[in-house]
N, C-alpha and C. Protein backbone atom coordinates (compact mmCIF):
# COMPACT_ATOMS: atom_id res chain seq x y z
N MET A 1 0.78 -1.45 -0.06
CA MET A 1 0.23 0.06 0.34
C MET A 1 0.77 1.06 -0.03
N ALA A 2 0.37 2.31 -0.95
CA ALA A 2 1.02 3.25 -0.92
C ALA A 2 1.15 4.68 0.23
N PRO A 3 2.77 5.05 0.75
CA PRO A 3 2.40 6.09 1.94
C PRO A 3 1.12 6.92 1.44
N ALA A 4 0.02 7.30 2.45
CA ALA A 4 -0.70 8.80 2.24
C ALA A 4 0.55 10.08 2.04
N ARG A 5 -0.24 10.98 1.18
CA ARG A 5 0.69 12.10 0.77
C ARG A 5 0.63 13.36 1.87
N THR A 6 1.88 13.22 2.28
CA THR A 6 1.77 14.51 3.44
C THR A 6 2.47 15.43 3.67
N SER A 7 2.36 16.32 2.26
CA SER A 7 3.07 17.50 2.03
C SER A 7 2.39 18.00 0.62
N ARG A 8 2.62 19.31 0.86
CA ARG A 8 1.79 20.19 -0.45
C ARG A 8 3.08 19.58 -1.72
N PRO A 9 2.22 19.35 -2.77
CA PRO A 9 3.32 19.54 -3.83
C PRO A 9 4.02 20.78 -3.87
N ALA A 10 5.31 20.96 -4.36
CA ALA A 10 6.12 22.55 -4.41
C ALA A 10 5.45 23.42 -5.00
N ALA A 11 5.02 23.04 -6.29
CA ALA A 11 4.11 24.09 -7.38
C ALA A 11 2.75 24.89 -6.71
N THR A 12 2.47 24.11 -5.74
CA THR A 12 1.37 24.68 -4.95
C THR A 12 1.75 25.61 -3.76
N ALA A 13 3.02 24.99 -2.90
CA ALA A 13 3.77 25.84 -2.00
C ALA A 13 3.66 27.44 -2.42
N ALA A 14 4.54 27.35 -3.67
CA ALA A 14 4.98 28.52 -4.46
C ALA A 14 3.88 29.54 -4.76
N ALA A 15 2.81 28.68 -5.43
CA ALA A 15 1.67 30.00 -5.60
C ALA A 15 1.05 30.15 -4.38
N ALA A 16 0.99 29.63 -3.04
CA ALA A 16 0.80 30.44 -2.02
C ALA A 16 1.46 31.05 -1.41
N VAL A 17 3.07 31.26 -2.07
CA VAL A 17 3.39 32.30 -1.10
C VAL A 17 3.52 33.46 -2.29
N LEU A 18 3.25 33.16 -3.47
CA LEU A 18 3.08 34.06 -4.43
C LEU A 18 1.44 35.29 -4.21
N TYR A 19 0.41 34.28 -3.97
CA TYR A 19 -0.92 34.83 -3.37
C TYR A 19 -0.71 35.34 -2.02
N VAL A 20 -0.09 35.23 -1.08
CA VAL A 20 0.40 35.96 -0.06
C VAL A 20 1.19 37.52 -0.31
N PHE A 21 2.30 37.04 -1.12
CA PHE A 21 3.08 38.02 -1.37
C PHE A 21 2.36 39.52 -2.04
N LEU A 22 2.02 39.14 -3.28
CA LEU A 22 1.08 39.69 -3.79
C LEU A 22 -0.23 40.77 -3.05
N GLY A 23 -0.78 39.88 -2.79
CA GLY A 23 -2.28 40.52 -1.68
C GLY A 23 -1.47 40.92 -0.49
N LEU A 24 -0.47 40.64 -0.08
CA LEU A 24 0.23 41.69 1.20
C LEU A 24 0.83 43.21 0.52
N ALA A 25 1.68 43.14 -1.04
CA ALA A 25 2.13 44.16 -1.30
C ALA A 25 1.05 45.21 -1.76
N PHE A 26 0.41 44.55 -2.48
CA PHE A 26 -0.61 45.57 -3.13
C PHE A 26 -2.16 46.11 -1.87
N GLY A 27 -2.44 45.06 -0.99
CA GLY A 27 -3.66 45.18 -0.09
C GLY A 27 -2.95 46.27 1.06
N THR A 28 -1.57 46.61 1.36
CA THR A 28 -0.97 46.87 2.46
C THR A 28 -0.78 48.21 1.70
N SER A 29 -0.37 48.56 0.42
CA SER A 29 0.24 49.92 0.06
C SER A 29 -0.93 50.54 -0.36
N VAL A 30 -2.05 50.14 -1.12
CA VAL A 30 -2.87 50.74 -1.99
C VAL A 30 -4.03 51.60 -1.60
N PRO A 31 -4.16 51.58 0.06
CA PRO A 31 -4.62 52.18 1.14
C PRO A 31 -4.19 53.49 1.18
N PHE A 32 -3.03 53.41 1.11
CA PHE A 32 -2.23 54.80 1.90
C PHE A 32 -2.10 55.36 0.25
N VAL A 33 -2.00 54.86 -1.04
CA VAL A 33 -2.26 55.81 -1.90
C VAL A 33 -3.54 56.33 -1.76
N LEU A 34 -4.69 56.12 -1.76
CA LEU A 34 -5.89 56.28 -1.86
C LEU A 34 -6.14 57.46 -1.11
N ALA A 35 -5.91 57.35 0.41
CA ALA A 35 -5.62 58.20 1.28
C ALA A 35 -5.03 59.29 0.67
N PHE A 36 -3.81 59.20 0.14
CA PHE A 36 -2.92 60.74 -0.52
C PHE A 36 -3.76 61.07 -1.32
N LEU A 37 -4.48 60.57 -2.23
CA LEU A 37 -5.15 60.93 -3.00
C LEU A 37 -6.62 61.88 -3.01
N ALA A 38 -7.23 60.94 -1.94
CA ALA A 38 -8.19 61.71 -1.13
C ALA A 38 -8.21 63.12 -0.44
N GLU A 39 -6.72 63.47 0.08
CA GLU A 39 -6.49 64.44 0.56
C GLU A 39 -5.83 64.84 -0.40
N ASN A 40 -5.31 65.25 -0.93
CA ASN A 40 -4.35 66.32 -1.97
C ASN A 40 -4.65 66.35 -3.30
N GLY A 41 -5.76 65.52 -3.84
CA GLY A 41 -6.43 65.52 -5.01
C GLY A 41 -5.32 64.75 -6.42
N TYR A 42 -4.21 64.33 -6.08
CA TYR A 42 -3.05 63.87 -6.78
C TYR A 42 -2.62 62.59 -6.28
N LEU A 43 -1.53 61.59 -7.53
CA LEU A 43 -1.60 60.41 -6.96
C LEU A 43 -0.05 60.50 -6.63
N PRO A 44 0.72 59.88 -5.11
CA PRO A 44 1.70 60.35 -4.86
C PRO A 44 2.95 59.60 -5.83
N MET A 45 4.02 60.05 -6.10
CA MET A 45 5.34 59.36 -6.42
C MET A 45 5.80 58.35 -5.33
N THR A 46 6.20 57.20 -6.37
CA THR A 46 6.52 56.15 -5.34
C THR A 46 7.86 55.49 -6.02
N PHE A 47 8.97 55.82 -5.80
CA PHE A 47 9.93 55.26 -6.39
C PHE A 47 10.31 55.66 -7.82
N GLY A 48 9.89 56.99 -8.09
CA GLY A 48 10.17 57.89 -9.11
C GLY A 48 9.09 57.77 -10.00
N PHE A 49 7.73 56.85 -10.11
CA PHE A 49 7.16 56.81 -10.76
C PHE A 49 5.40 57.54 -9.77
N LYS A 50 4.71 57.80 -10.49
CA LYS A 50 3.24 58.01 -9.51
C LYS A 50 2.41 56.86 -9.56
N SER A 51 2.59 56.70 -8.12
CA SER A 51 1.45 55.20 -8.01
C SER A 51 0.27 55.18 -8.46
N LEU A 52 -0.11 54.17 -8.88
CA LEU A 52 -1.31 53.49 -9.56
C LEU A 52 -1.74 54.53 -10.96
N ALA A 53 -0.61 54.80 -11.33
CA ALA A 53 -0.87 55.80 -12.71
C ALA A 53 -0.46 55.31 -13.92
N GLY A 54 -1.11 55.22 -15.16
CA GLY A 54 -0.07 54.90 -16.41
C GLY A 54 -1.42 54.01 -17.20
N GLY A 55 -2.07 52.97 -16.43
CA GLY A 55 -3.31 52.60 -16.91
C GLY A 55 -4.54 53.04 -17.21
N PRO A 56 -5.08 52.51 -18.09
CA PRO A 56 -6.42 53.17 -18.84
C PRO A 56 -7.77 53.48 -17.15
N LEU A 57 -6.90 53.04 -16.08
CA LEU A 57 -8.17 53.36 -14.80
C LEU A 57 -8.05 54.64 -14.51
N GLU A 58 -6.71 55.37 -15.12
CA GLU A 58 -6.30 56.80 -14.46
C GLU A 58 -7.35 57.51 -15.29
N ARG A 59 -7.85 57.36 -16.17
CA ARG A 59 -8.52 58.04 -16.93
C ARG A 59 -10.26 58.18 -16.51
N LEU A 60 -10.65 57.33 -15.57
CA LEU A 60 -11.72 57.36 -14.80
C LEU A 60 -11.96 58.78 -13.58
N ASP A 61 -13.22 58.95 -13.56
CA ASP A 61 -13.15 60.19 -12.48
C ASP A 61 -12.63 60.04 -10.96
N ARG A 62 -12.11 60.47 -10.42
CA ARG A 62 -11.96 60.45 -8.88
C ARG A 62 -12.47 58.79 -8.10
N GLU A 63 -13.87 59.13 -8.20
CA GLU A 63 -14.48 58.39 -7.07
C GLU A 63 -14.41 57.08 -7.49
N LEU A 64 -14.57 57.08 -9.48
CA LEU A 64 -14.64 55.81 -9.57
C LEU A 64 -13.18 55.35 -9.72
N PHE A 65 -12.33 55.80 -9.63
CA PHE A 65 -10.99 55.57 -9.78
C PHE A 65 -10.30 54.77 -8.25
N ILE A 66 -11.09 56.09 -6.93
CA ILE A 66 -11.09 55.41 -5.62
C ILE A 66 -11.80 53.80 -5.48
N ALA A 67 -12.69 54.07 -6.31
CA ALA A 67 -13.59 52.49 -5.90
C ALA A 67 -13.19 51.30 -6.43
N ALA A 68 -11.84 51.41 -7.47
CA ALA A 68 -11.68 50.54 -8.40
C ALA A 68 -10.28 50.39 -7.30
N GLY A 69 -9.74 50.91 -6.51
CA GLY A 69 -8.61 50.86 -5.72
C GLY A 69 -8.64 50.35 -4.98
N TRP A 70 -10.01 50.46 -4.31
CA TRP A 70 -10.50 49.43 -3.35
C TRP A 70 -10.95 47.89 -3.53
N LEU A 71 -11.26 48.03 -4.55
CA LEU A 71 -11.50 46.75 -5.21
C LEU A 71 -10.37 45.72 -5.39
N LEU A 72 -8.77 46.85 -5.58
CA LEU A 72 -8.29 46.09 -5.31
C LEU A 72 -7.05 45.78 -4.38
N VAL A 73 -7.48 46.53 -3.08
CA VAL A 73 -7.50 45.98 -1.72
C VAL A 73 -8.37 44.62 -1.63
N ALA A 74 -9.64 45.04 -1.90
CA ALA A 74 -10.44 43.68 -1.54
C ALA A 74 -10.23 41.96 -2.27
N VAL A 75 -9.85 42.49 -3.06
CA VAL A 75 -8.98 41.58 -4.26
C VAL A 75 -7.81 40.92 -3.39
N SER A 76 -7.06 41.48 -3.18
CA SER A 76 -5.63 41.29 -2.09
C SER A 76 -5.95 40.81 -1.21
N ALA A 77 -6.74 41.31 -0.18
CA ALA A 77 -7.46 40.39 0.96
C ALA A 77 -7.54 39.19 0.81
N ALA A 78 -8.35 38.85 -0.33
CA ALA A 78 -9.13 37.03 -0.80
C ALA A 78 -7.64 36.71 -0.95
N SER A 79 -6.47 37.19 -1.77
CA SER A 79 -5.35 36.65 -2.29
C SER A 79 -4.74 36.07 -1.06
N VAL A 80 -4.84 36.87 -0.15
CA VAL A 80 -3.76 36.65 1.06
C VAL A 80 -4.81 35.31 1.51
N ALA A 81 -5.74 35.26 1.89
CA ALA A 81 -6.80 34.31 2.99
C ALA A 81 -6.42 33.13 1.55
N ALA A 82 -6.79 32.88 0.23
CA ALA A 82 -6.01 31.96 -0.95
C ALA A 82 -4.96 31.51 -0.46
N GLY A 83 -3.74 31.93 -0.38
CA GLY A 83 -2.37 31.63 0.07
C GLY A 83 -2.36 31.28 1.69
N VAL A 84 -3.15 31.42 2.30
CA VAL A 84 -3.00 30.80 3.77
C VAL A 84 -3.73 29.88 3.73
N LEU A 85 -4.78 29.34 2.79
CA LEU A 85 -5.86 28.35 3.03
C LEU A 85 -5.45 27.41 1.86
N LEU A 86 -4.14 27.73 1.06
CA LEU A 86 -3.73 26.71 0.25
C LEU A 86 -2.30 26.11 1.02
N TRP A 87 -1.66 27.17 1.81
CA TRP A 87 -0.62 26.60 2.31
C TRP A 87 -1.19 25.59 3.32
N ARG A 88 -1.96 25.72 3.80
CA ARG A 88 -2.49 24.71 5.06
C ARG A 88 -3.11 23.64 3.99
N GLY A 89 -3.33 23.49 3.23
CA GLY A 89 -3.82 22.71 2.28
C GLY A 89 -5.05 22.53 1.67
N ARG A 90 -5.92 23.69 2.02
CA ARG A 90 -7.53 23.67 2.02
C ARG A 90 -8.12 23.86 0.54
N ARG A 91 -8.92 23.02 -0.02
CA ARG A 91 -9.34 23.27 -1.23
C ARG A 91 -9.93 24.41 -1.76
N ILE A 92 -10.58 25.19 -0.35
CA ILE A 92 -11.30 26.10 -0.84
C ILE A 92 -10.44 26.92 -1.37
N GLY A 93 -8.77 27.07 -0.87
CA GLY A 93 -7.77 27.91 -1.38
C GLY A 93 -7.95 28.31 -3.19
N VAL A 94 -8.01 26.80 -3.57
CA VAL A 94 -7.39 26.44 -4.81
C VAL A 94 -8.64 27.64 -5.72
N TRP A 95 -10.14 27.75 -5.11
CA TRP A 95 -11.23 28.19 -5.58
C TRP A 95 -11.06 29.50 -5.38
N LEU A 96 -10.99 29.93 -4.34
CA LEU A 96 -10.76 31.71 -3.92
C LEU A 96 -9.82 31.65 -4.73
N GLY A 97 -8.51 31.46 -4.79
CA GLY A 97 -7.50 32.01 -5.79
C GLY A 97 -7.70 32.14 -7.29
N LEU A 98 -8.38 31.45 -7.58
CA LEU A 98 -8.87 31.15 -9.13
C LEU A 98 -9.83 32.15 -9.47
N ALA A 99 -10.74 32.12 -8.77
CA ALA A 99 -11.98 33.21 -8.65
C ALA A 99 -11.26 35.09 -8.21
N ALA A 100 -10.30 34.77 -7.74
CA ALA A 100 -9.55 36.54 -7.57
C ALA A 100 -8.81 36.75 -8.44
N ASP A 101 -8.21 35.86 -9.52
CA ASP A 101 -7.20 35.69 -10.06
C ASP A 101 -7.66 36.59 -11.44
N PRO A 102 -8.86 36.80 -12.13
CA PRO A 102 -8.88 37.14 -13.25
C PRO A 102 -9.16 39.02 -13.05
N ILE A 103 -9.50 38.90 -11.65
CA ILE A 103 -10.16 40.62 -11.06
C ILE A 103 -8.78 41.23 -10.79
N ALA A 104 -7.72 40.24 -10.33
CA ALA A 104 -6.56 41.06 -10.12
C ALA A 104 -6.09 41.16 -11.19
N PHE A 105 -5.80 40.37 -12.25
CA PHE A 105 -5.33 40.49 -13.11
C PHE A 105 -5.56 41.55 -14.30
N GLY A 106 -7.37 41.95 -14.25
CA GLY A 106 -7.76 43.03 -15.05
C GLY A 106 -7.25 44.20 -14.28
N LEU A 107 -7.48 44.38 -12.73
CA LEU A 107 -6.69 45.38 -12.20
C LEU A 107 -5.61 45.84 -12.13
N GLY A 108 -4.59 44.81 -12.69
CA GLY A 108 -2.94 44.92 -12.98
C GLY A 108 -3.09 45.87 -14.01
N VAL A 109 -3.93 45.32 -14.86
CA VAL A 109 -3.98 46.20 -16.24
C VAL A 109 -4.39 47.24 -16.54
N GLY A 110 -5.34 47.46 -15.43
CA GLY A 110 -6.28 49.06 -15.26
C GLY A 110 -5.20 49.83 -14.79
N PHE A 111 -4.63 49.39 -14.33
CA PHE A 111 -3.81 50.34 -13.30
C PHE A 111 -1.96 50.30 -13.17
N ALA A 112 -1.89 49.79 -14.72
CA ALA A 112 -0.59 49.71 -14.91
C ALA A 112 0.58 48.88 -13.91
N LEU A 113 -0.02 47.68 -13.54
CA LEU A 113 1.03 47.35 -12.12
C LEU A 113 1.80 46.18 -13.04
N PRO A 114 2.64 46.13 -13.25
CA PRO A 114 3.56 44.83 -13.70
C PRO A 114 3.84 43.75 -13.10
N LEU A 115 3.99 44.50 -11.57
CA LEU A 115 4.14 42.77 -10.68
C LEU A 115 2.56 42.29 -10.88
N LEU A 116 2.02 42.75 -10.97
CA LEU A 116 -0.09 41.76 -10.88
C LEU A 116 0.11 41.28 -12.46
N ILE A 117 0.46 42.13 -13.10
CA ILE A 117 0.55 41.47 -14.73
C ILE A 117 1.15 40.50 -14.76
N LEU A 118 1.89 40.06 -14.50
CA LEU A 118 3.42 38.60 -14.29
C LEU A 118 2.68 38.04 -13.28
N GLY A 119 2.67 38.49 -11.66
CA GLY A 119 2.63 37.52 -10.77
C GLY A 119 1.17 36.70 -11.15
N VAL A 120 0.42 37.03 -11.40
CA VAL A 120 -1.16 37.05 -11.49
C VAL A 120 -1.24 35.84 -11.96
N PRO A 121 -0.74 35.79 -13.57
CA PRO A 121 -0.80 34.61 -14.42
C PRO A 121 0.40 33.69 -13.81
N ALA A 122 1.71 33.81 -12.99
CA ALA A 122 2.38 32.93 -12.80
C ALA A 122 1.90 32.33 -11.72
N ARG A 123 1.02 32.51 -10.92
CA ARG A 123 0.58 31.85 -9.57
C ARG A 123 0.01 31.37 -9.81
N ALA A 124 -1.09 31.40 -10.72
CA ALA A 124 -2.45 30.71 -11.18
C ALA A 124 -2.21 29.60 -12.19
N GLY A 125 -0.50 29.50 -12.66
CA GLY A 125 0.01 28.60 -13.39
C GLY A 125 0.61 27.46 -12.63
N LEU A 126 1.46 28.15 -11.50
CA LEU A 126 1.92 26.97 -10.30
C LEU A 126 0.72 26.41 -9.51
N LEU A 127 -0.46 27.38 -9.58
CA LEU A 127 -1.58 26.35 -8.39
C LEU A 127 -2.28 25.70 -9.86
N LEU A 128 -2.82 25.81 -10.70
CA LEU A 128 -2.85 24.73 -11.76
C LEU A 128 -2.27 23.26 -11.65
N LEU A 129 -0.62 23.95 -11.88
CA LEU A 129 0.35 22.58 -11.49
C LEU A 129 0.29 21.87 -10.35
N GLY A 130 0.22 22.15 -9.13
CA GLY A 130 -0.17 21.90 -8.19
C GLY A 130 -1.05 21.04 -8.23
N LEU A 131 -2.23 21.78 -8.86
CA LEU A 131 -3.56 21.01 -8.52
C LEU A 131 -3.11 19.61 -9.33
N GLN A 132 -2.60 19.49 -10.60
CA GLN A 132 -2.51 18.49 -11.23
C GLN A 132 -1.62 17.48 -10.59
N GLU A 133 -0.38 17.79 -10.23
CA GLU A 133 0.44 16.99 -9.41
C GLU A 133 -0.31 16.25 -7.87
N SER A 134 -0.92 16.98 -7.14
CA SER A 134 -1.88 16.45 -6.66
C SER A 134 -2.63 15.44 -6.84
N ARG A 135 -3.26 15.44 -7.83
CA ARG A 135 -4.30 14.14 -8.18
C ARG A 135 -3.15 13.22 -8.93
N ARG A 136 -2.29 13.28 -9.15
CA ARG A 136 -1.41 11.71 -9.43
C ARG A 136 -1.49 11.28 -8.37
N PRO A 137 -1.35 9.79 -8.84
CA PRO A 137 -1.85 8.88 -7.86
C PRO A 137 0.19 8.80 -7.25
N PRO A 138 0.47 8.94 -6.33
CA PRO A 138 1.37 8.74 -5.32
C PRO A 138 2.54 7.64 -5.84
N GLN A 139 3.51 8.08 -6.09
CA GLN A 139 4.73 6.80 -6.65
C GLN A 139 4.60 5.61 -5.66
N GLU A 140 4.32 4.44 -5.81
CA GLU A 140 4.89 3.50 -4.40
C GLU A 140 6.15 2.75 -4.69
N THR A 141 6.74 2.98 -3.29
CA THR A 141 8.29 2.83 -3.17
C THR A 141 8.24 1.55 -2.33
N PRO A 142 8.99 0.79 -3.17
CA PRO A 142 8.47 -0.71 -2.31
C PRO A 142 9.42 -1.20 -1.02
N ASP A 143 9.15 -1.57 -0.62
CA ASP A 143 9.40 -1.98 0.76
C ASP A 143 10.30 -2.49 0.76
N GLU A 144 11.00 -3.25 1.82
CA GLU A 144 12.15 -3.93 1.62
C GLU A 144 12.05 -5.57 1.50
N ALA A 145 10.76 -5.70 2.22
CA ALA A 145 10.34 -7.35 2.31
C ALA A 145 9.88 -7.52 0.86
N SER A 146 9.32 -6.85 -0.06
CA SER A 146 8.50 -6.49 -1.29
C SER A 146 10.15 -6.98 -2.32
N LEU A 147 10.84 -6.25 -1.82
CA LEU A 147 12.20 -6.44 -2.65
C LEU A 147 13.14 -7.69 -2.38
N LEU A 148 13.10 -8.08 -1.29
CA LEU A 148 13.61 -9.18 -1.25
C LEU A 148 12.75 -10.45 -1.89
N GLY A 149 11.72 -10.10 -1.65
CA GLY A 149 10.49 -11.20 -2.01
C GLY A 149 10.70 -11.70 -3.29
N ARG A 150 10.99 -10.48 -4.47
CA ARG A 150 11.30 -10.72 -5.84
C ARG A 150 12.79 -11.25 -5.82
N ILE A 151 13.87 -11.19 -4.92
CA ILE A 151 14.94 -11.85 -5.42
C ILE A 151 15.30 -13.17 -4.65
N ARG A 152 14.71 -13.42 -3.78
CA ARG A 152 15.05 -14.54 -2.62
C ARG A 152 14.85 -15.79 -4.00
N ALA A 153 15.69 -16.65 -3.45
CA ALA A 153 14.80 -18.37 -3.61
C ALA A 153 13.62 -18.62 -2.95
N PRO A 154 13.33 -19.44 -3.45
CA PRO A 154 11.84 -19.63 -3.31
C PRO A 154 11.85 -20.42 -1.91
N ASP A 155 12.82 -21.11 -1.70
CA ASP A 155 13.22 -21.94 0.07
C ASP A 155 13.66 -20.74 0.66
N ALA A 156 13.92 -19.76 0.35
CA ALA A 156 14.57 -18.51 1.56
C ALA A 156 13.40 -17.82 2.03
N VAL A 157 14.11 -17.57 3.40
CA VAL A 157 13.11 -16.43 4.06
C VAL A 157 13.85 -15.20 4.66
N VAL A 158 13.25 -14.69 5.39
CA VAL A 158 13.97 -13.14 5.67
C VAL A 158 13.68 -12.79 7.44
N GLU A 159 15.00 -13.13 7.74
CA GLU A 159 14.66 -13.20 8.98
C GLU A 159 15.64 -12.26 10.11
N ASP A 160 15.39 -11.20 10.71
CA ASP A 160 15.76 -10.09 10.85
C ASP A 160 16.41 -9.57 9.93
N GLY A 161 16.34 -8.91 9.29
CA GLY A 161 16.30 -8.28 8.04
C GLY A 161 17.72 -8.95 7.10
N GLU A 162 17.98 -9.74 7.45
CA GLU A 162 18.61 -11.07 6.18
C GLU A 162 17.77 -12.27 5.66
N VAL A 163 18.39 -12.55 4.68
CA VAL A 163 17.85 -13.70 3.77
C VAL A 163 18.68 -14.85 3.90
N LYS A 164 17.73 -16.11 4.67
CA LYS A 164 18.14 -16.88 4.53
C LYS A 164 17.38 -18.07 4.12
N SER A 165 18.25 -18.88 3.84
CA SER A 165 17.94 -20.43 2.66
C SER A 165 17.63 -21.35 4.19
N LYS A 166 16.49 -21.84 3.35
CA LYS A 166 15.90 -22.74 4.56
C LYS A 166 17.07 -24.23 5.03
N ASP A 167 17.94 -24.32 4.28
CA ASP A 167 19.22 -25.36 4.85
C ASP A 167 19.62 -24.75 5.53
N GLU A 168 19.96 -23.24 6.23
CA GLU A 168 20.89 -22.77 7.21
C GLU A 168 20.33 -23.61 8.60
N PRO A 169 20.83 -23.85 9.42
CA PRO A 169 20.58 -24.61 10.63
C PRO A 169 19.57 -23.54 11.07
N GLY A 170 18.61 -24.00 12.44
CA GLY A 170 17.29 -23.28 12.61
C GLY A 170 16.66 -22.52 11.91
N LEU A 171 16.25 -23.61 10.45
CA LEU A 171 15.06 -23.06 9.87
C LEU A 171 14.51 -24.03 9.43
N ASP A 172 14.18 -25.20 10.35
CA ASP A 172 13.81 -26.43 9.94
C ASP A 172 12.44 -26.35 10.93
N GLY A 173 11.45 -25.55 10.96
CA GLY A 173 10.44 -25.39 11.77
C GLY A 173 9.19 -26.08 10.55
N PRO A 174 7.89 -25.70 11.16
CA PRO A 174 7.21 -26.57 10.35
C PRO A 174 6.74 -25.57 9.38
N GLU A 175 6.94 -24.17 8.96
CA GLU A 175 6.73 -23.69 7.53
C GLU A 175 7.73 -23.94 6.52
N PHE A 176 8.76 -24.73 7.01
CA PHE A 176 9.34 -25.13 5.49
C PHE A 176 9.12 -26.59 5.33
N ARG A 177 8.23 -27.27 5.75
CA ARG A 177 8.11 -28.69 5.94
C ARG A 177 7.19 -29.05 4.64
N ARG A 178 7.20 -29.88 3.64
CA ARG A 178 6.56 -29.68 3.02
C ARG A 178 5.47 -31.04 2.63
């Protein structure tokens, strides 16, 4: 009998890390950008670039732009939850992650966020790969007894991990009488 699978596939673990990383990156930073916009009327500069600027959503009026920003925060929170659930091996994490991905990708394009544009397809691909890996039957590793059973002579037995012939002394019990 094959041993039960006790760990998640590596692809699922990598996807979980990406879900949490991208979710935290945007879920924690975007509220500050939106607060700055609400207070000052323009987007802040971050690392030499205007935050959340450059995409087609920038052309929306301010209220819709802010609503789209809060949607990004909500999707980021769902991404973090999906990543945690995936890490814990919960199947609902798969569905939550795959439900959040199209929205996160669309907002990534809308706000011109390269990290989301590249990261969302990567995490979805890893998640699907991990799902495929988890559905494969585990490879059976033959145990010592089954290996020895294949190579020993029909009149041999395994005693204390050693193969002994029935002709050896001490092996004349009833199991060897014909």
